[in-house]
Amino acid sequence: MNVRRNRISPDWLTLIVLLALGAILGRAQSSARLVGREDFVSRIFVGVLSPGAHIFGSAADALNDFSRGIFSARRLERENEMLKKELRALSVYNDTVALLRNDLDSQRKLIDMPSLGKTKVYADVIGFYAEENRILISAGTEKGLHQGLAVVSGDGLVGTIQSSDKGFSVVTLISSPKPAIGALLSARNPPSAGLIHGDGGQILTLQFGDPQAAVDSGDLVVTSGFSEYIPRGIVIGKVIQKIENLESGQLVAKVYPSVAIGRLHEVVILK
């Protein structure tokens, strides 16, 4: 006769053990709270969780610092960009102020410039043709202007009138190869004289009649006055190089003009 034995399932056994353990732990916690002590279960949980909590707190602090760094970097980047814009605006402002000061200085020089025995006629520069070495000015025959008259700025000789019409005149600049203008070194005694003309560029060439003429770098070059319409003493520029050609017996000097043609706004015609 077979007798069936009832066996307890492992799952039920585990459940019974856990319930018993829970009851024991609960009673232990209650007893510890009644006497004001921390039970060993809490101590175990605190011991297990504290390191993790510390690591998590450190990670949270680091993340917070990182976030602040990102926002601070963005703010600093915006502030840096604003500072760059302000610096650019200040640079433009300073350049504008410098240009206005130059214009005012030119105006004062024009007003204070001696007439050298001529009548001064004021005119605006209304056209600039660098490749043709000429400019257009806003005064013509209605003011008595004609070919050959000297055109000057507060810094010196600009050129001579090539042709005039009612309301405007064409001016040939001193940078033009033709015509040559009489010039001399004002500081030399006796003054070294010659003819000066342009080479189409910025530098002028002064060719002396006397190959033994005294000349050196830094000498001031002015108009000689050996012309019906161009008075003596108008500044042309300064010598920057002396060139002697022993074979041809010629003496020339390279001259840097005193007038910056590209910055001209107003001129004076001496008639």
C-alpha atoms as a PDB file:
ATOM      1  CA  MET A   1       0.000   0.000   0.000  1.00  0.00           C
ATOM      2  CA  ASN A   2       1.511   3.253  -1.151  1.00  0.00           C
ATOM      3  CA  VAL A   3       1.240   6.209   1.186  1.00  0.00           C
ATOM      4  CA  ARG A   4       1.500   9.654  -0.529  1.00  0.00           C
ATOM      5  CA  ARG A   5       3.733  11.957   1.401  1.00  0.00           C
ATOM      6  CA  ASN A   6       2.898  15.653   1.379  1.00  0.00           C
ATOM      7  CA  ARG A   7       5.975  17.692   0.576  1.00  0.00           C
ATOM      8  CA  ILE A   8       6.240  21.474   1.147  1.00  0.00           C
ATOM      9  CA  SER A   9       7.050  23.427  -2.023  1.00  0.00           C
ATOM     10  CA  PRO A  10      10.404  25.374  -1.937  1.00  0.00           C
ATOM     11  CA  ASP A  11       8.561  28.577  -2.837  1.00  0.00           C
ATOM     12  CA  TRP A  12       6.299  28.204   0.165  1.00  0.00           C
ATOM     13  CA  LEU A  13       9.263  27.431   2.367  1.00  0.00           C
ATOM     14  CA  THR A  14      11.038  30.603   1.203  1.00  0.00           C
ATOM     15  CA  LEU A  15       7.940  32.658   1.813  1.00  0.00           C
ATOM     16  CA  ILE A  16       7.571  31.270   5.358  1.00  0.00           C
ATOM     17  CA  VAL A  17      11.216  32.032   6.132  1.00  0.00           C
ATOM     18  CA  LEU A  18      10.935  35.594   4.816  1.00  0.00           C
ATOM     19  CA  LEU A  19       7.757  36.208   6.813  1.00  0.00           C
ATOM     20  CA  ALA A  20       9.394  34.896   9.962  1.00  0.00           C
ATOM     21  CA  LEU A  21      12.503  36.973   9.343  1.00  0.00           C
ATOM     22  CA  GLY A  22      10.374  40.031   8.707  1.00  0.00           C
ATOM     23  CA  ALA A  23       8.506  39.511  11.968  1.00  0.00           C
ATOM     24  CA  ILE A  24      11.735  39.121  13.906  1.00  0.00           C
ATOM     25  CA  LEU A  25      13.302  42.207  12.308  1.00  0.00           C
ATOM     26  CA  GLY A  26      10.144  44.239  12.863  1.00  0.00           C
ATOM     27  CA  ARG A  27      10.032  43.292  16.538  1.00  0.00           C
ATOM     28  CA  ALA A  28      13.717  44.130  16.869  1.00  0.00           C
ATOM     29  CA  GLN A  29      13.203  47.550  15.311  1.00  0.00           C
ATOM     30  CA  SER A  30      10.189  48.244  17.552  1.00  0.00           C
ATOM     31  CA  SER A  31      12.101  47.231  20.679  1.00  0.00           C
ATOM     32  CA  ALA A  32      15.055  49.415  19.699  1.00  0.00           C
ATOM     33  CA  ARG A  33      12.830  52.442  19.089  1.00  0.00           C
ATOM     34  CA  LEU A  34      11.155  51.969  22.499  1.00  0.00           C
ATOM     35  CA  VAL A  35      14.484  52.280  24.309  1.00  0.00           C
ATOM     36  CA  GLY A  36      15.718  55.082  22.009  1.00  0.00           C
ATOM     37  CA  ARG A  37      18.402  53.149  20.212  1.00  0.00           C
ATOM     38  CA  GLU A  38      19.127  52.707  16.523  1.00  0.00           C
ATOM     39  CA  ASP A  39      18.431  49.136  15.545  1.00  0.00           C
ATOM     40  CA  PHE A  40      21.034  47.068  13.753  1.00  0.00           C
ATOM     41  CA  VAL A  41      18.838  46.846  10.627  1.00  0.00           C
ATOM     42  CA  SER A  42      18.941  50.624  10.174  1.00  0.00           C
ATOM     43  CA  ARG A  43      22.665  50.599  10.819  1.00  0.00           C
ATOM     44  CA  ILE A  44      23.080  47.991   8.082  1.00  0.00           C
ATOM     45  CA  PHE A  45      21.024  50.028   5.598  1.00  0.00           C
ATOM     46  CA  VAL A  46      22.892  53.220   6.495  1.00  0.00           C
ATOM     47  CA  GLY A  47      26.206  51.463   6.110  1.00  0.00           C
ATOM     48  CA  VAL A  48      25.222  50.053   2.763  1.00  0.00           C
ATOM     49  CA  LEU A  49      23.607  53.200   1.363  1.00  0.00           C
ATOM     50  CA  SER A  50      25.911  55.934   2.766  1.00  0.00           C
ATOM     51  CA  PRO A  51      28.813  55.409   0.355  1.00  0.00           C
ATOM     52  CA  GLY A  52      26.405  55.405  -2.564  1.00  0.00           C
ATOM     53  CA  ALA A  53      24.693  58.505  -1.257  1.00  0.00           C
ATOM     54  CA  HIS A  54      28.063  60.241  -0.890  1.00  0.00           C
ATOM     55  CA  ILE A  55      29.066  59.307  -4.434  1.00  0.00           C
ATOM     56  CA  PHE A  56      25.693  60.454  -5.767  1.00  0.00           C
ATOM     57  CA  GLY A  57      25.988  63.749  -3.872  1.00  0.00           C
ATOM     58  CA  SER A  58      29.481  64.352  -5.236  1.00  0.00           C
ATOM     59  CA  ALA A  59      28.283  63.545  -8.743  1.00  0.00           C
ATOM     60  CA  ALA A  60      25.345  65.914  -8.326  1.00  0.00           C
ATOM     61  CA  ASP A  61      27.679  68.688  -7.123  1.00  0.00           C
ATOM     62  CA  ALA A  62      30.014  68.081 -10.065  1.00  0.00           C
ATOM     63  CA  LEU A  63      27.073  68.146 -12.485  1.00  0.00           C
ATOM     64  CA  ASN A  64      25.859  71.379 -10.928  1.00  0.00           C
ATOM     65  CA  ASP A  65      29.335  72.940 -11.273  1.00  0.00           C
ATOM     66  CA  PHE A  66      29.508  71.740 -14.877  1.00  0.00           C
ATOM     67  CA  SER A  67      26.108  73.266 -15.637  1.00  0.00           C
ATOM     68  CA  ARG A  68      27.148  76.539 -14.055  1.00  0.00           C
ATOM     69  CA  GLY A  69      30.351  76.450 -16.101  1.00  0.00           C
ATOM     70  CA  ILE A  70      28.392  76.001 -19.329  1.00  0.00           C
ATOM     71  CA  PHE A  71      26.034  78.887 -18.554  1.00  0.00           C
ATOM     72  CA  SER A  72      28.955  81.060 -17.376  1.00  0.00           C
ATOM     73  CA  ALA A  73      30.892  80.281 -20.562  1.00  0.00           C
ATOM     74  CA  ARG A  74      27.905  81.292 -22.679  1.00  0.00           C
ATOM     75  CA  ARG A  75      27.483  84.484 -20.711  1.00  0.00           C
ATOM     76  CA  LEU A  76      31.193  85.274 -20.996  1.00  0.00           C
ATOM     77  CA  GLU A  77      31.066  84.548 -24.718  1.00  0.00           C
ATOM     78  CA  ARG A  78      28.175  87.003 -25.145  1.00  0.00           C
ATOM     79  CA  GLU A  79      29.988  89.625 -23.071  1.00  0.00           C
ATOM     80  CA  ASN A  80      33.166  89.072 -25.083  1.00  0.00           C
ATOM     81  CA  GLU A  81      31.278  89.525 -28.350  1.00  0.00           C
ATOM     82  CA  MET A  82      29.695  92.718 -27.023  1.00  0.00           C
ATOM     83  CA  LEU A  83      33.135  94.034 -26.037  1.00  0.00           C
ATOM     84  CA  LYS A  84      34.456  93.253 -29.533  1.00  0.00           C
ATOM     85  CA  LYS A  85      31.573  95.187 -31.097  1.00  0.00           C
ATOM     86  CA  GLU A  86      32.208  98.129 -28.775  1.00  0.00           C
ATOM     87  CA  LEU A  87      35.909  98.097 -29.671  1.00  0.00           C
ATOM     88  CA  ARG A  88      35.071  98.056 -33.386  1.00  0.00           C
ATOM     89  CA  ALA A  89      32.663 100.944 -32.905  1.00  0.00           C
ATOM     90  CA  LEU A  90      35.312 102.850 -30.922  1.00  0.00           C
ATOM     91  CA  SER A  91      37.870 102.230 -33.674  1.00  0.00           C
ATOM     92  CA  VAL A  92      35.478 103.561 -36.323  1.00  0.00           C
ATOM     93  CA  TYR A  93      34.733 106.565 -34.086  1.00  0.00           C
ATOM     94  CA  ASN A  94      38.448 107.297 -33.617  1.00  0.00           C
ATOM     95  CA  ASP A  95      39.067 107.005 -37.366  1.00  0.00           C
ATOM     96  CA  THR A  96      36.170 109.375 -38.044  1.00  0.00           C
ATOM     97  CA  VAL A  97      37.474 111.859 -35.487  1.00  0.00           C
ATOM     98  CA  ALA A  98      40.947 111.678 -37.051  1.00  0.00           C
ATOM     99  CA  LEU A  99      39.515 112.337 -40.527  1.00  0.00           C
ATOM    100  CA  LEU A 100      37.474 115.273 -39.253  1.00  0.00           C
ATOM    101  CA  ARG A 101      40.539 116.720 -37.554  1.00  0.00           C
ATOM    102  CA  ASN A 102      42.518 116.376 -40.778  1.00  0.00           C
ATOM    103  CA  ASP A 103      39.719 118.121 -42.666  1.00  0.00           C
ATOM    104  CA  LEU A 104      39.657 120.940 -40.094  1.00  0.00           C
ATOM    105  CA  ASP A 105      43.439 121.299 -40.295  1.00  0.00           C
ATOM    106  CA  SER A 106      43.221 121.482 -44.090  1.00  0.00           C
ATOM    107  CA  GLN A 107      40.490 124.126 -43.851  1.00  0.00           C
ATOM    108  CA  ARG A 108      42.602 126.221 -41.467  1.00  0.00           C
ATOM    109  CA  LYS A 109      45.633 125.910 -43.737  1.00  0.00           C
ATOM    110  CA  LEU A 110      43.585 127.013 -46.738  1.00  0.00           C
ATOM    111  CA  ILE A 111      42.245 130.043 -44.873  1.00  0.00           C
ATOM    112  CA  ASP A 112      45.649 131.011 -43.434  1.00  0.00           C
ATOM    113  CA  MET A 113      47.588 130.349 -46.655  1.00  0.00           C
ATOM    114  CA  PRO A 114      49.237 133.508 -48.028  1.00  0.00           C
ATOM    115  CA  SER A 115      48.014 134.702 -51.400  1.00  0.00           C
ATOM    116  CA  LEU A 116      51.589 135.306 -52.660  1.00  0.00           C
ATOM    117  CA  GLY A 117      50.404 138.407 -54.474  1.00  0.00           C
ATOM    118  CA  LYS A 118      47.516 136.605 -56.172  1.00  0.00           C
ATOM    119  CA  THR A 119      43.754 136.472 -55.718  1.00  0.00           C
ATOM    120  CA  LYS A 120      42.503 133.308 -54.036  1.00  0.00           C
ATOM    121  CA  VAL A 121      39.554 131.439 -55.556  1.00  0.00           C
ATOM    122  CA  TYR A 122      38.111 128.554 -53.519  1.00  0.00           C
ATOM    123  CA  ALA A 123      36.718 125.425 -55.174  1.00  0.00           C
ATOM    124  CA  ASP A 124      35.623 121.885 -54.294  1.00  0.00           C
ATOM    125  CA  VAL A 125      37.141 118.744 -55.775  1.00  0.00           C
ATOM    126  CA  ILE A 126      34.253 117.120 -57.670  1.00  0.00           C
ATOM    127  CA  GLY A 127      36.122 114.475 -59.660  1.00  0.00           C
ATOM    128  CA  PHE A 128      39.311 112.427 -59.252  1.00  0.00           C
ATOM    129  CA  TYR A 129      40.962 110.571 -62.128  1.00  0.00           C
ATOM    130  CA  ALA A 130      44.124 108.973 -60.749  1.00  0.00           C
ATOM    131  CA  GLU A 131      45.101 107.089 -63.900  1.00  0.00           C
ATOM    132  CA  GLU A 132      44.942 110.318 -65.915  1.00  0.00           C
ATOM    133  CA  ASN A 133      46.709 112.380 -63.214  1.00  0.00           C
ATOM    134  CA  ARG A 134      43.968 114.979 -63.084  1.00  0.00           C
ATOM    135  CA  ILE A 135      41.072 116.203 -60.967  1.00  0.00           C
ATOM    136  CA  LEU A 136      37.899 118.204 -61.640  1.00  0.00           C
ATOM    137  CA  ILE A 137      37.105 121.267 -59.541  1.00  0.00           C
ATOM    138  CA  SER A 138      33.925 123.300 -59.097  1.00  0.00           C
ATOM    139  CA  ALA A 139      35.105 126.667 -60.451  1.00  0.00           C
ATOM    140  CA  GLY A 140      35.718 127.820 -63.992  1.00  0.00           C
ATOM    141  CA  THR A 141      35.582 130.716 -66.393  1.00  0.00           C
ATOM    142  CA  GLU A 142      32.781 132.412 -64.458  1.00  0.00           C
ATOM    143  CA  LYS A 143      35.416 133.109 -61.769  1.00  0.00           C
ATOM    144  CA  GLY A 144      38.106 134.147 -64.197  1.00  0.00           C
ATOM    145  CA  LEU A 145      40.007 130.853 -64.222  1.00  0.00           C
ATOM    146  CA  HIS A 146      42.091 129.819 -67.205  1.00  0.00           C
ATOM    147  CA  GLN A 147      44.878 127.488 -68.286  1.00  0.00           C
ATOM    148  CA  GLY A 148      48.181 127.565 -66.380  1.00  0.00           C
ATOM    149  CA  LEU A 149      46.962 128.902 -63.014  1.00  0.00           C
ATOM    150  CA  ALA A 150      48.383 127.273 -59.894  1.00  0.00           C
ATOM    151  CA  VAL A 151      46.053 125.047 -57.854  1.00  0.00           C
ATOM    152  CA  VAL A 152      47.094 124.556 -54.239  1.00  0.00           C
ATOM    153  CA  SER A 153      45.943 123.090 -50.933  1.00  0.00           C
ATOM    154  CA  GLY A 154      46.986 123.978 -47.413  1.00  0.00           C
ATOM    155  CA  ASP A 155      49.901 121.516 -47.766  1.00  0.00           C
ATOM    156  CA  GLY A 156      51.302 122.752 -51.063  1.00  0.00           C
ATOM    157  CA  LEU A 157      51.070 122.598 -54.844  1.00  0.00           C
ATOM    158  CA  VAL A 158      48.352 120.347 -56.293  1.00  0.00           C
ATOM    159  CA  GLY A 159      48.859 121.101 -59.998  1.00  0.00           C
ATOM    160  CA  THR A 160      47.926 123.577 -62.703  1.00  0.00           C
ATOM    161  CA  ILE A 161      44.694 124.244 -64.576  1.00  0.00           C
ATOM    162  CA  GLN A 162      44.622 122.405 -67.892  1.00  0.00           C
ATOM    163  CA  SER A 163      41.328 123.809 -69.180  1.00  0.00           C
ATOM    164  CA  SER A 164      38.316 125.711 -67.880  1.00  0.00           C
ATOM    165  CA  ASP A 165      34.658 125.927 -68.711  1.00  0.00           C
ATOM    166  CA  LYS A 166      31.747 127.636 -67.033  1.00  0.00           C
ATOM    167  CA  GLY A 167      31.290 126.009 -63.623  1.00  0.00           C
ATOM    168  CA  PHE A 168      34.293 123.655 -63.618  1.00  0.00           C
ATOM    169  CA  SER A 169      37.976 123.243 -64.500  1.00  0.00           C
ATOM    170  CA  VAL A 170      40.271 120.317 -65.263  1.00  0.00           C
ATOM    171  CA  VAL A 171      43.472 120.303 -63.179  1.00  0.00           C
ATOM    172  CA  THR A 172      46.665 118.498 -64.225  1.00  0.00           C
ATOM    173  CA  LEU A 173      48.316 117.100 -61.085  1.00  0.00           C
ATOM    174  CA  ILE A 174      52.010 117.475 -60.294  1.00  0.00           C
ATOM    175  CA  SER A 175      52.219 113.654 -60.561  1.00  0.00           C
ATOM    176  CA  SER A 176      51.750 114.022 -64.332  1.00  0.00           C
ATOM    177  CA  PRO A 177      54.863 113.747 -66.562  1.00  0.00           C
ATOM    178  CA  LYS A 178      53.838 116.988 -68.296  1.00  0.00           C
ATOM    179  CA  PRO A 179      54.100 119.883 -67.885  1.00  0.00           C
ATOM    180  CA  ALA A 180      57.361 120.323 -65.966  1.00  0.00           C
ATOM    181  CA  ILE A 181      57.300 123.070 -63.336  1.00  0.00           C
ATOM    182  CA  GLY A 182      60.171 125.284 -62.231  1.00  0.00           C
ATOM    183  CA  ALA A 183      61.391 124.350 -58.753  1.00  0.00           C
ATOM    184  CA  LEU A 184      64.248 125.082 -56.383  1.00  0.00           C
ATOM    185  CA  LEU A 185      65.674 124.121 -52.991  1.00  0.00           C
ATOM    186  CA  SER A 186      64.703 127.050 -50.778  1.00  0.00           C
ATOM    187  CA  ALA A 187      67.247 126.388 -48.024  1.00  0.00           C
ATOM    188  CA  ARG A 188      70.280 126.431 -50.352  1.00  0.00           C
ATOM    189  CA  ASN A 189      72.218 129.632 -50.899  1.00  0.00           C
ATOM    190  CA  PRO A 190      72.233 130.154 -53.782  1.00  0.00           C
ATOM    191  CA  PRO A 191      69.100 128.022 -54.343  1.00  0.00           C
ATOM    192  CA  SER A 192      69.591 124.940 -56.523  1.00  0.00           C
ATOM    193  CA  ALA A 193      67.055 125.198 -59.349  1.00  0.00           C
ATOM    194  CA  GLY A 194      65.610 122.785 -61.876  1.00  0.00           C
ATOM    195  CA  LEU A 195      62.440 121.408 -63.449  1.00  0.00           C
ATOM    196  CA  ILE A 196      60.152 119.012 -61.588  1.00  0.00           C
ATOM    197  CA  HIS A 197      57.587 116.607 -63.039  1.00  0.00           C
ATOM    198  CA  GLY A 198      55.831 113.398 -62.156  1.00  0.00           C
ATOM    199  CA  ASP A 199      56.432 109.879 -63.434  1.00  0.00           C
ATOM    200  CA  GLY A 200      52.776 108.893 -63.303  1.00  0.00           C
ATOM    201  CA  GLY A 201      53.221 107.555 -59.784  1.00  0.00           C
ATOM    202  CA  GLN A 202      53.533 109.135 -56.381  1.00  0.00           C
ATOM    203  CA  ILE A 203      57.206 110.154 -56.495  1.00  0.00           C
ATOM    204  CA  LEU A 204      58.343 113.264 -58.414  1.00  0.00           C
ATOM    205  CA  THR A 205      61.579 113.819 -60.329  1.00  0.00           C
ATOM    206  CA  LEU A 206      63.535 117.063 -60.043  1.00  0.00           C
ATOM    207  CA  GLN A 207      66.131 117.516 -62.789  1.00  0.00           C
ATOM    208  CA  PHE A 208      68.767 120.167 -62.107  1.00  0.00           C
ATOM    209  CA  GLY A 209      70.282 122.379 -64.773  1.00  0.00           C
ATOM    210  CA  ASP A 210      73.616 122.414 -62.908  1.00  0.00           C
ATOM    211  CA  PRO A 211      75.125 118.914 -62.415  1.00  0.00           C
ATOM    212  CA  GLN A 212      77.105 120.349 -59.487  1.00  0.00           C
ATOM    213  CA  ALA A 213      74.027 121.714 -57.707  1.00  0.00           C
ATOM    214  CA  ALA A 214      73.969 121.247 -53.932  1.00  0.00           C
ATOM    215  CA  VAL A 215      71.204 118.830 -52.911  1.00  0.00           C
ATOM    216  CA  ASP A 216      70.636 116.297 -50.179  1.00  0.00           C
ATOM    217  CA  SER A 217      67.858 114.182 -48.666  1.00  0.00           C
ATOM    218  CA  GLY A 218      65.426 116.252 -46.606  1.00  0.00           C
ATOM    219  CA  ASP A 219      65.819 119.437 -48.671  1.00  0.00           C
ATOM    220  CA  LEU A 220      62.546 121.325 -49.106  1.00  0.00           C
ATOM    221  CA  VAL A 221      61.440 121.836 -52.719  1.00  0.00           C
ATOM    222  CA  VAL A 222      59.292 124.871 -53.630  1.00  0.00           C
ATOM    223  CA  THR A 223      58.146 126.540 -56.832  1.00  0.00           C
ATOM    224  CA  SER A 224      60.776 128.780 -58.416  1.00  0.00           C
ATOM    225  CA  GLY A 225      58.456 131.531 -59.610  1.00  0.00           C
ATOM    226  CA  PHE A 226      59.926 131.425 -63.126  1.00  0.00           C
ATOM    227  CA  SER A 227      56.408 131.305 -64.509  1.00  0.00           C
ATOM    228  CA  GLU A 228      53.801 133.904 -65.326  1.00  0.00           C
ATOM    229  CA  TYR A 229      51.071 132.170 -63.336  1.00  0.00           C
ATOM    230  CA  ILE A 230      52.861 130.160 -60.627  1.00  0.00           C
ATOM    231  CA  PRO A 231      54.314 132.348 -57.856  1.00  0.00           C
ATOM    232  CA  ARG A 232      57.502 131.515 -55.994  1.00  0.00           C
ATOM    233  CA  GLY A 233      57.539 129.689 -52.673  1.00  0.00           C
ATOM    234  CA  ILE A 234      54.682 127.176 -52.969  1.00  0.00           C
ATOM    235  CA  VAL A 235      55.754 123.973 -51.236  1.00  0.00           C
ATOM    236  CA  ILE A 236      56.094 120.947 -53.544  1.00  0.00           C
ATOM    237  CA  GLY A 237      57.724 118.306 -51.334  1.00  0.00           C
ATOM    238  CA  LYS A 238      60.987 116.999 -49.861  1.00  0.00           C
ATOM    239  CA  VAL A 239      63.998 115.335 -51.445  1.00  0.00           C
ATOM    240  CA  ILE A 240      64.239 111.639 -50.558  1.00  0.00           C
ATOM    241  CA  GLN A 241      67.066 110.583 -52.914  1.00  0.00           C
ATOM    242  CA  LYS A 242      69.901 112.143 -54.896  1.00  0.00           C
ATOM    243  CA  ILE A 243      70.911 110.437 -58.169  1.00  0.00           C
ATOM    244  CA  GLU A 244      74.066 111.385 -60.103  1.00  0.00           C
ATOM    245  CA  ASN A 245      74.600 110.102 -63.637  1.00  0.00           C
ATOM    246  CA  LEU A 246      78.326 110.559 -64.271  1.00  0.00           C
ATOM    247  CA  GLU A 247      78.114 109.429 -67.901  1.00  0.00           C
ATOM    248  CA  SER A 248      75.441 111.913 -68.956  1.00  0.00           C
ATOM    249  CA  GLY A 249      76.476 114.547 -66.470  1.00  0.00           C
ATOM    250  CA  GLN A 250      72.886 114.852 -65.179  1.00  0.00           C
ATOM    251  CA  LEU A 251      71.864 115.357 -61.589  1.00  0.00           C
ATOM    252  CA  VAL A 252      68.332 114.467 -60.460  1.00  0.00           C
ATOM    253  CA  ALA A 253      66.539 114.141 -57.136  1.00  0.00           C
ATOM    254  CA  LYS A 254      63.542 112.094 -56.174  1.00  0.00           C
ATOM    255  CA  VAL A 255      60.952 114.145 -54.331  1.00  0.00           C
ATOM    256  CA  TYR A 256      58.072 113.024 -52.115  1.00  0.00           C
ATOM    257  CA  PRO A 257      55.124 115.437 -52.638  1.00  0.00           C
ATOM    258  CA  SER A 258      53.667 117.233 -49.640  1.00  0.00           C
ATOM    259  CA  VAL A 259      50.055 116.988 -50.876  1.00  0.00           C
ATOM    260  CA  ALA A 260      48.086 113.753 -50.447  1.00  0.00           C
ATOM    261  CA  ILE A 261      45.896 114.047 -53.545  1.00  0.00           C
ATOM    262  CA  GLY A 262      43.488 111.280 -52.491  1.00  0.00           C
ATOM    263  CA  ARG A 263      42.434 113.228 -49.384  1.00  0.00           C
ATOM    264  CA  LEU A 264      41.698 116.519 -51.135  1.00  0.00           C
ATOM    265  CA  HIS A 265      38.246 118.028 -50.683  1.00  0.00           C
ATOM    266  CA  GLU A 266      38.865 121.704 -51.324  1.00  0.00           C
ATOM    267  CA  VAL A 267      41.540 123.650 -53.189  1.00  0.00           C
ATOM    268  CA  VAL A 268      42.540 127.238 -53.851  1.00  0.00           C
ATOM    269  CA  ILE A 269      43.344 128.644 -57.285  1.00  0.00           C
ATOM    270  CA  LEU A 270      45.809 131.541 -57.363  1.00  0.00           C
ATOM    271  CA  LYS A 271      44.898 133.951 -60.189  1.00  0.00           C
END
